[in-house]
Amino acid sequence: EFVIEDAQVTRLGLQLEEMLKEMIWFKKKDGVRSGAA
């Protein structure tokens, strides 16, 4: 599910965890933080 605010896509939710009833939410970013994987 995508969240659309003021005609702009701002977030993405994915049902990646079967045990959770809620989605995992990702925030749309222009620049990506180069954190450690």
PDB file of all heavy atoms in Angstrom:
ATOM      1  N   GLU A   1       0.838  -1.196   0.000  1.00  0.00           N
ATOM      2  CA  GLU A   1       0.000   0.000   0.000  1.00  0.00           C
ATOM      3  C   GLU A   1       0.875   1.249   0.000  1.00  0.00           C
ATOM      4  O   GLU A   1       1.835   1.346   0.771  1.00  0.00           O
ATOM      5  CB  GLU A   1      -0.911   0.008   1.224  1.00  0.00           C
ATOM      6  CG  GLU A   1      -1.881   1.174   1.268  1.00  0.00           C
ATOM      7  CD  GLU A   1      -2.861   1.083   2.419  1.00  0.00           C
ATOM      8  OE1 GLU A   1      -3.042  -0.038   2.947  1.00  0.00           O
ATOM      9  OE2 GLU A   1      -3.438   2.117   2.793  1.00  0.00           O
ATOM     10  N   PHE A   2       0.564   2.179  -0.887  1.00  0.00           N
ATOM     11  CA  PHE A   2       1.256   3.456  -0.946  1.00  0.00           C
ATOM     12  C   PHE A   2       0.400   4.521  -0.263  1.00  0.00           C
ATOM     13  O   PHE A   2      -0.829   4.521  -0.392  1.00  0.00           O
ATOM     14  CB  PHE A   2       1.531   3.871  -2.393  1.00  0.00           C
ATOM     15  CG  PHE A   2       2.577   3.046  -3.079  1.00  0.00           C
ATOM     16  CD1 PHE A   2       2.228   1.903  -3.794  1.00  0.00           C
ATOM     17  CD2 PHE A   2       3.923   3.394  -3.011  1.00  0.00           C
ATOM     18  CE1 PHE A   2       3.188   1.137  -4.440  1.00  0.00           C
ATOM     19  CE2 PHE A   2       4.892   2.631  -3.652  1.00  0.00           C
ATOM     20  CZ  PHE A   2       4.524   1.500  -4.366  1.00  0.00           C
ATOM     21  N   VAL A   3       1.030   5.405   0.466  1.00  0.00           N
ATOM     22  CA  VAL A   3       0.343   6.546   1.067  1.00  0.00           C
ATOM     23  C   VAL A   3       0.553   7.753   0.160  1.00  0.00           C
ATOM     24  O   VAL A   3       1.695   8.084  -0.199  1.00  0.00           O
ATOM     25  CB  VAL A   3       0.876   6.835   2.480  1.00  0.00           C
ATOM     26  CG1 VAL A   3       0.252   8.121   3.040  1.00  0.00           C
ATOM     27  CG2 VAL A   3       0.577   5.663   3.408  1.00  0.00           C
ATOM     28  N   ILE A   4      -0.541   8.384  -0.233  1.00  0.00           N
ATOM     29  CA  ILE A   4      -0.486   9.545  -1.124  1.00  0.00           C
ATOM     30  C   ILE A   4      -1.004  10.759  -0.363  1.00  0.00           C
ATOM     31  O   ILE A   4      -2.135  10.763   0.140  1.00  0.00           O
ATOM     32  CB  ILE A   4      -1.318   9.302  -2.393  1.00  0.00           C
ATOM     33  CG1 ILE A   4      -0.809   8.052  -3.122  1.00  0.00           C
ATOM     34  CG2 ILE A   4      -1.263  10.513  -3.329  1.00  0.00           C
ATOM     35  CD1 ILE A   4      -1.659   7.640  -4.309  1.00  0.00           C
ATOM     36  N   GLU A   5      -0.167  11.784  -0.264  1.00  0.00           N
ATOM     37  CA  GLU A   5      -0.526  13.011   0.434  1.00  0.00           C
ATOM     38  C   GLU A   5      -0.239  14.211  -0.467  1.00  0.00           C
ATOM     39  O   GLU A   5       0.887  14.354  -0.960  1.00  0.00           O
ATOM     40  CB  GLU A   5       0.259  13.141   1.747  1.00  0.00           C
ATOM     41  CG  GLU A   5      -0.013  12.001   2.733  1.00  0.00           C
ATOM     42  CD  GLU A   5       0.889  12.048   3.946  1.00  0.00           C
ATOM     43  OE1 GLU A   5       2.080  12.395   3.790  1.00  0.00           O
ATOM     44  OE2 GLU A   5       0.408  11.733   5.044  1.00  0.00           O
ATOM     45  N   ASP A   6      -1.267  15.050  -0.687  1.00  0.00           N
ATOM     46  CA  ASP A   6      -1.129  16.213  -1.572  1.00  0.00           C
ATOM     47  C   ASP A   6      -0.596  15.802  -2.941  1.00  0.00           C
ATOM     48  O   ASP A   6       0.326  16.423  -3.493  1.00  0.00           O
ATOM     49  CB  ASP A   6      -0.210  17.266  -0.940  1.00  0.00           C
ATOM     50  CG  ASP A   6      -0.764  17.805   0.376  1.00  0.00           C
ATOM     51  OD1 ASP A   6      -2.003  17.885   0.495  1.00  0.00           O
ATOM     52  OD2 ASP A   6       0.052  18.118   1.273  1.00  0.00           O
ATOM     53  N   ALA A   7      -1.184  14.724  -3.475  1.00  0.00           N
ATOM     54  CA  ALA A   7      -0.835  14.213  -4.804  1.00  0.00           C
ATOM     55  C   ALA A   7       0.612  13.734  -4.897  1.00  0.00           C
ATOM     56  O   ALA A   7       1.144  13.569  -6.002  1.00  0.00           O
ATOM     57  CB  ALA A   7      -1.108  15.266  -5.878  1.00  0.00           C
ATOM     58  N   GLN A   8       1.250  13.468  -3.746  1.00  0.00           N
ATOM     59  CA  GLN A   8       2.617  12.976  -3.722  1.00  0.00           C
ATOM     60  C   GLN A   8       2.677  11.657  -2.944  1.00  0.00           C
ATOM     61  O   GLN A   8       2.065  11.531  -1.877  1.00  0.00           O
ATOM     62  CB  GLN A   8       3.557  13.991  -3.057  1.00  0.00           C
ATOM     63  CG  GLN A   8       3.648  15.334  -3.766  1.00  0.00           C
ATOM     64  CD  GLN A   8       4.361  15.226  -5.107  1.00  0.00           C
ATOM     65  OE1 GLN A   8       5.306  14.441  -5.256  1.00  0.00           O
ATOM     66  NE2 GLN A   8       3.920  16.013  -6.077  1.00  0.00           N
ATOM     67  N   VAL A   9       3.401  10.675  -3.480  1.00  0.00           N
ATOM     68  CA  VAL A   9       3.599   9.410  -2.771  1.00  0.00           C
ATOM     69  C   VAL A   9       4.638   9.632  -1.684  1.00  0.00           C
ATOM     70  O   VAL A   9       5.753  10.081  -1.974  1.00  0.00           O
ATOM     71  CB  VAL A   9       4.052   8.299  -3.731  1.00  0.00           C
ATOM     72  CG1 VAL A   9       4.290   6.999  -2.962  1.00  0.00           C
ATOM     73  CG2 VAL A   9       3.026   8.072  -4.827  1.00  0.00           C
ATOM     74  N   THR A  10       4.275   9.340  -0.445  1.00  0.00           N
ATOM     75  CA  THR A  10       5.169   9.623   0.683  1.00  0.00           C
ATOM     76  C   THR A  10       5.659   8.376   1.415  1.00  0.00           C
ATOM     77  O   THR A  10       6.727   8.390   2.012  1.00  0.00           O
ATOM     78  CB  THR A  10       4.459  10.531   1.707  1.00  0.00           C
ATOM     79  OG1 THR A  10       3.259   9.874   2.169  1.00  0.00           O
ATOM     80  CG2 THR A  10       4.103  11.871   1.076  1.00  0.00           C
ATOM     81  N   ARG A  11       4.874   7.298   1.386  1.00  0.00           N
ATOM     82  CA  ARG A  11       5.272   6.093   2.120  1.00  0.00           C
ATOM     83  C   ARG A  11       4.831   4.839   1.376  1.00  0.00           C
ATOM     84  O   ARG A  11       3.912   4.876   0.560  1.00  0.00           O
ATOM     85  CB  ARG A  11       4.686   6.080   3.533  1.00  0.00           C
ATOM     86  CG  ARG A  11       5.260   7.123   4.477  1.00  0.00           C
ATOM     87  CD  ARG A  11       4.861   6.830   5.922  1.00  0.00           C
ATOM     88  NE  ARG A  11       3.418   6.859   6.102  1.00  0.00           N
ATOM     89  CZ  ARG A  11       2.775   6.294   7.121  1.00  0.00           C
ATOM     90  NH1 ARG A  11       3.451   5.601   8.030  1.00  0.00           N
ATOM     91  NH2 ARG A  11       1.457   6.377   7.227  1.00  0.00           N
ATOM     92  N   LEU A  12       5.501   3.727   1.707  1.00  0.00           N
ATOM     93  CA  LEU A  12       5.162   2.408   1.156  1.00  0.00           C
ATOM     94  C   LEU A  12       5.051   1.421   2.298  1.00  0.00           C
ATOM     95  O   LEU A  12       5.958   1.297   3.134  1.00  0.00           O
ATOM     96  CB  LEU A  12       6.245   1.941   0.171  1.00  0.00           C
ATOM     97  CG  LEU A  12       6.224   0.450  -0.224  1.00  0.00           C
ATOM     98  CD1 LEU A  12       4.933   0.095  -0.953  1.00  0.00           C
ATOM     99  CD2 LEU A  12       7.440   0.104  -1.073  1.00  0.00           C
ATOM    100  N   GLY A  13       3.930   0.705   2.351  1.00  0.00           N
ATOM    101  CA  GLY A  13       3.748  -0.342   3.347  1.00  0.00           C
ATOM    102  C   GLY A  13       3.763  -1.714   2.693  1.00  0.00           C
ATOM    103  O   GLY A  13       3.141  -1.925   1.654  1.00  0.00           O
ATOM    104  N   LEU A  14       4.483  -2.662   3.301  1.00  0.00           N
ATOM    105  CA  LEU A  14       4.588  -4.026   2.778  1.00  0.00           C
ATOM    106  C   LEU A  14       4.299  -5.028   3.888  1.00  0.00           C
ATOM    107  O   LEU A  14       4.808  -4.903   5.007  1.00  0.00           O
ATOM    108  CB  LEU A  14       5.991  -4.279   2.211  1.00  0.00           C
ATOM    109  CG  LEU A  14       6.388  -3.486   0.970  1.00  0.00           C
ATOM    110  CD1 LEU A  14       7.878  -3.672   0.682  1.00  0.00           C
ATOM    111  CD2 LEU A  14       5.562  -3.915  -0.233  1.00  0.00           C
ATOM    112  N   GLN A  15       3.508  -6.042   3.579  1.00  0.00           N
ATOM    113  CA  GLN A  15       3.183  -7.093   4.547  1.00  0.00           C
ATOM    114  C   GLN A  15       4.279  -8.152   4.504  1.00  0.00           C
ATOM    115  O   GLN A  15       4.070  -9.296   4.065  1.00  0.00           O
ATOM    116  CB  GLN A  15       1.825  -7.710   4.212  1.00  0.00           C
ATOM    117  CG  GLN A  15       1.243  -8.579   5.318  1.00  0.00           C
ATOM    118  CD  GLN A  15       0.657  -7.758   6.445  1.00  0.00           C
ATOM    119  OE1 GLN A  15      -0.207  -6.926   6.220  1.00  0.00           O
ATOM    120  NE2 GLN A  15       1.120  -7.999   7.658  1.00  0.00           N
ATOM    121  N   LEU A  16       5.467  -7.795   4.983  1.00  0.00           N
ATOM    122  CA  LEU A  16       6.624  -8.681   4.906  1.00  0.00           C
ATOM    123  C   LEU A  16       6.727  -9.642   6.081  1.00  0.00           C
ATOM    124  O   LEU A  16       7.408 -10.662   5.985  1.00  0.00           O
ATOM    125  CB  LEU A  16       7.916  -7.846   4.818  1.00  0.00           C
ATOM    126  CG  LEU A  16       8.091  -7.016   3.543  1.00  0.00           C
ATOM    127  CD1 LEU A  16       9.335  -6.143   3.655  1.00  0.00           C
ATOM    128  CD2 LEU A  16       8.180  -7.912   2.319  1.00  0.00           C
ATOM    129  N   GLU A  17       6.089  -9.327   7.182  1.00  0.00           N
ATOM    130  CA  GLU A  17       6.165 -10.168   8.377  1.00  0.00           C
ATOM    131  C   GLU A  17       4.814 -10.823   8.611  1.00  0.00           C
ATOM    132  O   GLU A  17       3.846 -10.162   8.980  1.00  0.00           O
ATOM    133  CB  GLU A  17       6.575  -9.334   9.595  1.00  0.00           C
ATOM    134  CG  GLU A  17       7.923  -8.632   9.451  1.00  0.00           C
ATOM    135  CD  GLU A  17       9.074  -9.599   9.514  1.00  0.00           C
ATOM    136  OE1 GLU A  17       8.858 -10.744   9.970  1.00  0.00           O
ATOM    137  OE2 GLU A  17      10.186  -9.216   9.126  1.00  0.00           O
ATOM    138  N   GLU A  18       4.744 -12.157   8.413  1.00  0.00           N
ATOM    139  CA  GLU A  18       3.469 -12.865   8.546  1.00  0.00           C
ATOM    140  C   GLU A  18       2.911 -12.804   9.959  1.00  0.00           C
ATOM    141  O   GLU A  18       1.699 -12.795  10.156  1.00  0.00           O
ATOM    142  CB  GLU A  18       3.655 -14.330   8.126  1.00  0.00           C
ATOM    143  CG  GLU A  18       3.956 -14.513   6.647  1.00  0.00           C
ATOM    144  CD  GLU A  18       4.051 -15.976   6.275  1.00  0.00           C
ATOM    145  OE1 GLU A  18       3.809 -16.821   7.159  1.00  0.00           O
ATOM    146  OE2 GLU A  18       4.358 -16.273   5.107  1.00  0.00           O
ATOM    147  N   MET A  19       3.785 -12.752  10.953  1.00  0.00           N
ATOM    148  CA  MET A  19       3.339 -12.774  12.340  1.00  0.00           C
ATOM    149  C   MET A  19       2.743 -11.429  12.778  1.00  0.00           C
ATOM    150  O   MET A  19       2.039 -11.367  13.772  1.00  0.00           O
ATOM    151  CB  MET A  19       4.507 -13.134  13.263  1.00  0.00           C
ATOM    152  CG  MET A  19       5.113 -14.505  12.989  1.00  0.00           C
ATOM    153  SD  MET A  19       3.925 -15.846  13.257  1.00  0.00           S
ATOM    154  CE  MET A  19       3.727 -15.762  15.030  1.00  0.00           C
ATOM    155  N   LEU A  20       3.044 -10.371  12.044  1.00  0.00           N
ATOM    156  CA  LEU A  20       2.537  -9.054  12.391  1.00  0.00           C
ATOM    157  C   LEU A  20       1.262  -8.760  11.612  1.00  0.00           C
ATOM    158  O   LEU A  20       1.142  -9.082  10.442  1.00  0.00           O
ATOM    159  CB  LEU A  20       3.581  -7.973  12.082  1.00  0.00           C
ATOM    160  CG  LEU A  20       4.911  -8.062  12.830  1.00  0.00           C
ATOM    161  CD1 LEU A  20       5.829  -6.937  12.384  1.00  0.00           C
ATOM    162  CD2 LEU A  20       4.684  -7.980  14.336  1.00  0.00           C
ATOM    163  N   LYS A  21       0.317  -8.138  12.269  1.00  0.00           N
ATOM    164  CA  LYS A  21      -0.916  -7.749  11.590  1.00  0.00           C
ATOM    165  C   LYS A  21      -0.742  -6.432  10.847  1.00  0.00           C
ATOM    166  O   LYS A  21      -1.535  -6.102   9.969  1.00  0.00           O
ATOM    167  CB  LYS A  21      -2.055  -7.636  12.613  1.00  0.00           C
ATOM    168  CG  LYS A  21      -2.427  -8.964  13.267  1.00  0.00           C
ATOM    169  CD  LYS A  21      -3.576  -8.795  14.241  1.00  0.00           C
ATOM    170  CE  LYS A  21      -3.940 -10.132  14.882  1.00  0.00           C
ATOM    171  NZ  LYS A  21      -5.075  -9.995  15.843  1.00  0.00           N
ATOM    172  N   GLU A  22       0.279  -5.682  11.203  1.00  0.00           N
ATOM    173  CA  GLU A  22       0.537  -4.400  10.573  1.00  0.00           C
ATOM    174  C   GLU A  22       1.599  -4.540   9.490  1.00  0.00           C
ATOM    175  O   GLU A  22       2.400  -5.461   9.496  1.00  0.00           O
ATOM    176  CB  GLU A  22       0.995  -3.380  11.617  1.00  0.00           C
ATOM    177  CG  GLU A  22      -0.032  -3.110  12.700  1.00  0.00           C
ATOM    178  CD  GLU A  22       0.463  -2.108  13.714  1.00  0.00           C
ATOM    179  OE1 GLU A  22       1.638  -1.697  13.606  1.00  0.00           O
ATOM    180  OE2 GLU A  22      -0.314  -1.733  14.604  1.00  0.00           O
ATOM    181  N   MET A  23       1.600  -3.588   8.575  1.00  0.00           N
ATOM    182  CA  MET A  23       2.592  -3.570   7.516  1.00  0.00           C
ATOM    183  C   MET A  23       3.917  -2.978   8.013  1.00  0.00           C
ATOM    184  O   MET A  23       3.950  -2.277   9.029  1.00  0.00           O
ATOM    185  CB  MET A  23       2.084  -2.747   6.330  1.00  0.00           C
ATOM    186  CG  MET A  23       0.950  -3.387   5.558  1.00  0.00           C
ATOM    187  SD  MET A  23       0.529  -2.422   4.084  1.00  0.00           S
ATOM    188  CE  MET A  23      -0.632  -3.539   3.279  1.00  0.00           C
ATOM    189  N   ILE A  24       4.978  -3.286   7.305  1.00  0.00           N
ATOM    190  CA  ILE A  24       6.269  -2.643   7.528  1.00  0.00           C
ATOM    191  C   ILE A  24       6.284  -1.389   6.648  1.00  0.00           C
ATOM    192  O   ILE A  24       6.114  -1.482   5.428  1.00  0.00           O
ATOM    193  CB  ILE A  24       7.440  -3.566   7.160  1.00  0.00           C
ATOM    194  CG1 ILE A  24       7.325  -4.901   7.899  1.00  0.00           C
ATOM    195  CG2 ILE A  24       8.767  -2.884   7.456  1.00  0.00           C
ATOM    196  CD1 ILE A  24       7.411  -4.804   9.391  1.00  0.00           C
ATOM    197  N   TRP A  25       6.514  -0.226   7.260  1.00  0.00           N
ATOM    198  CA  TRP A  25       6.400   1.024   6.516  1.00  0.00           C
ATOM    199  C   TRP A  25       7.762   1.605   6.168  1.00  0.00           C
ATOM    200  O   TRP A  25       8.675   1.643   7.003  1.00  0.00           O
ATOM    201  CB  TRP A  25       5.583   2.042   7.316  1.00  0.00           C
ATOM    202  CG  TRP A  25       4.122   1.691   7.334  1.00  0.00           C
ATOM    203  CD1 TRP A  25       3.443   1.036   8.316  1.00  0.00           C
ATOM    204  CD2 TRP A  25       3.178   1.942   6.288  1.00  0.00           C
ATOM    205  NE1 TRP A  25       2.133   0.859   7.967  1.00  0.00           N
ATOM    206  CE2 TRP A  25       1.929   1.410   6.727  1.00  0.00           C
ATOM    207  CE3 TRP A  25       3.242   2.570   5.045  1.00  0.00           C
ATOM    208  CZ2 TRP A  25       0.779   1.485   5.959  1.00  0.00           C
ATOM    209  CZ3 TRP A  25       2.097   2.648   4.276  1.00  0.00           C
ATOM    210  CH2 TRP A  25       0.882   2.112   4.724  1.00  0.00           C
ATOM    211  N   PHE A  26       7.857   2.044   4.916  1.00  0.00           N
ATOM    212  CA  PHE A  26       9.067   2.664   4.378  1.00  0.00           C
ATOM    213  C   PHE A  26       8.735   4.102   3.980  1.00  0.00           C
ATOM    214  O   PHE A  26       7.726   4.357   3.322  1.00  0.00           O
ATOM    215  CB  PHE A  26       9.573   1.903   3.146  1.00  0.00           C
ATOM    216  CG  PHE A  26      10.004   0.493   3.426  1.00  0.00           C
ATOM    217  CD1 PHE A  26       9.066  -0.525   3.612  1.00  0.00           C
ATOM    218  CD2 PHE A  26      11.353   0.160   3.482  1.00  0.00           C
ATOM    219  CE1 PHE A  26       9.459  -1.827   3.872  1.00  0.00           C
ATOM    220  CE2 PHE A  26      11.752  -1.144   3.732  1.00  0.00           C
ATOM    221  CZ  PHE A  26      10.806  -2.140   3.931  1.00  0.00           C
ATOM    222  N   LYS A  27       9.585   5.033   4.368  1.00  0.00           N
ATOM    223  CA  LYS A  27       9.382   6.438   4.041  1.00  0.00           C
ATOM    224  C   LYS A  27      10.141   6.791   2.768  1.00  0.00           C
ATOM    225  O   LYS A  27      11.328   6.467   2.632  1.00  0.00           O
ATOM    226  CB  LYS A  27       9.858   7.329   5.195  1.00  0.00           C
ATOM    227  CG  LYS A  27       9.600   8.807   4.968  1.00  0.00           C
ATOM    228  CD  LYS A  27      10.061   9.624   6.179  1.00  0.00           C
ATOM    229  CE  LYS A  27       9.809  11.108   5.959  1.00  0.00           C
ATOM    230  NZ  LYS A  27      10.281  11.914   7.132  1.00  0.00           N
ATOM    231  N   LYS A  28       9.462   7.458   1.852  1.00  0.00           N
ATOM    232  CA  LYS A  28      10.097   7.831   0.597  1.00  0.00           C
ATOM    233  C   LYS A  28      11.101   8.949   0.845  1.00  0.00           C
ATOM    234  O   LYS A  28      10.808   9.932   1.524  1.00  0.00           O
ATOM    235  CB  LYS A  28       9.064   8.277  -0.432  1.00  0.00           C
ATOM    236  CG  LYS A  28       9.634   8.402  -1.852  1.00  0.00           C
ATOM    237  CD  LYS A  28       8.559   8.730  -2.867  1.00  0.00           C
ATOM    238  CE  LYS A  28       9.152   8.755  -4.272  1.00  0.00           C
ATOM    239  NZ  LYS A  28       8.155   9.143  -5.288  1.00  0.00           N
ATOM    240  N   LYS A  29      12.289   8.799   0.269  1.00  0.00           N
ATOM    241  CA  LYS A  29      13.358   9.765   0.502  1.00  0.00           C
ATOM    242  C   LYS A  29      13.978  10.168  -0.830  1.00  0.00           C
ATOM    243  O   LYS A  29      14.110   9.347  -1.744  1.00  0.00           O
ATOM    244  CB  LYS A  29      14.444   9.178   1.405  1.00  0.00           C
ATOM    245  CG  LYS A  29      13.948   8.786   2.792  1.00  0.00           C
ATOM    246  CD  LYS A  29      15.033   8.133   3.620  1.00  0.00           C
ATOM    247  CE  LYS A  29      16.109   9.113   4.021  1.00  0.00           C
ATOM    248  NZ  LYS A  29      15.657  10.074   5.040  1.00  0.00           N
ATOM    249  N   ASP A  30      14.397  11.411  -0.898  1.00  0.00           N
ATOM    250  CA  ASP A  30      15.120  11.878  -2.083  1.00  0.00           C
ATOM    251  C   ASP A  30      16.554  11.400  -2.046  1.00  0.00           C
ATOM    252  O   ASP A  30      17.111  10.927  -3.024  1.00  0.00           O
ATOM    253  CB  ASP A  30      15.081  13.410  -2.160  1.00  0.00           C
ATOM    254  CG  ASP A  30      13.668  13.921  -2.409  1.00  0.00           C
ATOM    255  OD1 ASP A  30      12.896  13.187  -3.048  1.00  0.00           O
ATOM    256  OD2 ASP A  30      13.348  15.021  -1.942  1.00  0.00           O
ATOM    257  N   GLY A  31      17.172  11.505  -0.862  1.00  0.00           N
ATOM    258  CA  GLY A  31      18.537  11.018  -0.693  1.00  0.00           C
ATOM    259  C   GLY A  31      18.529   9.822   0.219  1.00  0.00           C
ATOM    260  O   GLY A  31      17.750   9.761   1.169  1.00  0.00           O
ATOM    261  N   VAL A  32      19.386   8.843  -0.022  1.00  0.00           N
ATOM    262  CA  VAL A  32      19.397   7.603   0.763  1.00  0.00           C
ATOM    263  C   VAL A  32      20.543   7.625   1.745  1.00  0.00           C
ATOM    264  O   VAL A  32      21.684   7.888   1.382  1.00  0.00           O
ATOM    265  CB  VAL A  32      19.544   6.370  -0.151  1.00  0.00           C
ATOM    266  CG1 VAL A  32      19.518   5.105   0.678  1.00  0.00           C
ATOM    267  CG2 VAL A  32      18.433   6.361  -1.169  1.00  0.00           C
ATOM    268  N   ARG A  33      20.200   7.386   2.989  1.00  0.00           N
ATOM    269  CA  ARG A  33      21.218   7.305   4.020  1.00  0.00           C
ATOM    270  C   ARG A  33      22.071   6.068   3.787  1.00  0.00           C
ATOM    271  O   ARG A  33      21.558   4.976   3.591  1.00  0.00           O
ATOM    272  CB  ARG A  33      20.514   7.219   5.378  1.00  0.00           C
ATOM    273  CG  ARG A  33      21.419   6.966   6.556  1.00  0.00           C
ATOM    274  CD  ARG A  33      20.529   6.918   7.793  1.00  0.00           C
ATOM    275  NE  ARG A  33      21.187   6.220   8.878  1.00  0.00           N
ATOM    276  CZ  ARG A  33      20.518   5.793   9.938  1.00  0.00           C
ATOM    277  NH1 ARG A  33      19.231   5.981  10.036  1.00  0.00           N
ATOM    278  NH2 ARG A  33      21.167   5.169  10.899  1.00  0.00           N
ATOM    279  N   SER A  34      23.377   6.261   3.812  1.00  0.00           N
ATOM    280  CA  SER A  34      24.282   5.137   3.524  1.00  0.00           C
ATOM    281  C   SER A  34      24.633   4.410   4.808  1.00  0.00           C
ATOM    282  O   SER A  34      25.786   4.333   5.213  1.00  0.00           O
ATOM    283  CB  SER A  34      25.552   5.652   2.844  1.00  0.00           C
ATOM    284  OG  SER A  34      26.197   6.594   3.674  1.00  0.00           O
ATOM    285  N   GLY A  35      23.615   3.899   5.458  1.00  0.00           N
ATOM    286  CA  GLY A  35      23.823   3.183   6.713  1.00  0.00           C
ATOM    287  C   GLY A  35      24.358   1.792   6.466  1.00  0.00           C
ATOM    288  O   GLY A  35      24.408   1.303   5.344  1.00  0.00           O
ATOM    289  N   ALA A  36      24.764   1.126   7.535  1.00  0.00           N
ATOM    290  CA  ALA A  36      25.347  -0.202   7.415  1.00  0.00           C
ATOM    291  C   ALA A  36      24.276  -1.239   7.204  1.00  0.00           C
ATOM    292  O   ALA A  36      23.235  -1.217   7.819  1.00  0.00           O
ATOM    293  CB  ALA A  36      26.134  -0.523   8.691  1.00  0.00           C
ATOM    294  N   ALA A  37      24.512  -2.149   6.287  1.00  0.00           N
ATOM    295  CA  ALA A  37      23.632  -3.298   6.096  1.00  0.00           C
ATOM    296  C   ALA A  37      24.241  -4.490   6.802  1.00  0.00           C
ATOM    297  O   ALA A  37      25.385  -4.454   7.207  1.00  0.00           O
ATOM    298  CB  ALA A  37      23.449  -3.576   4.617  1.00  0.00           C
TER     299      ALA A  37
END
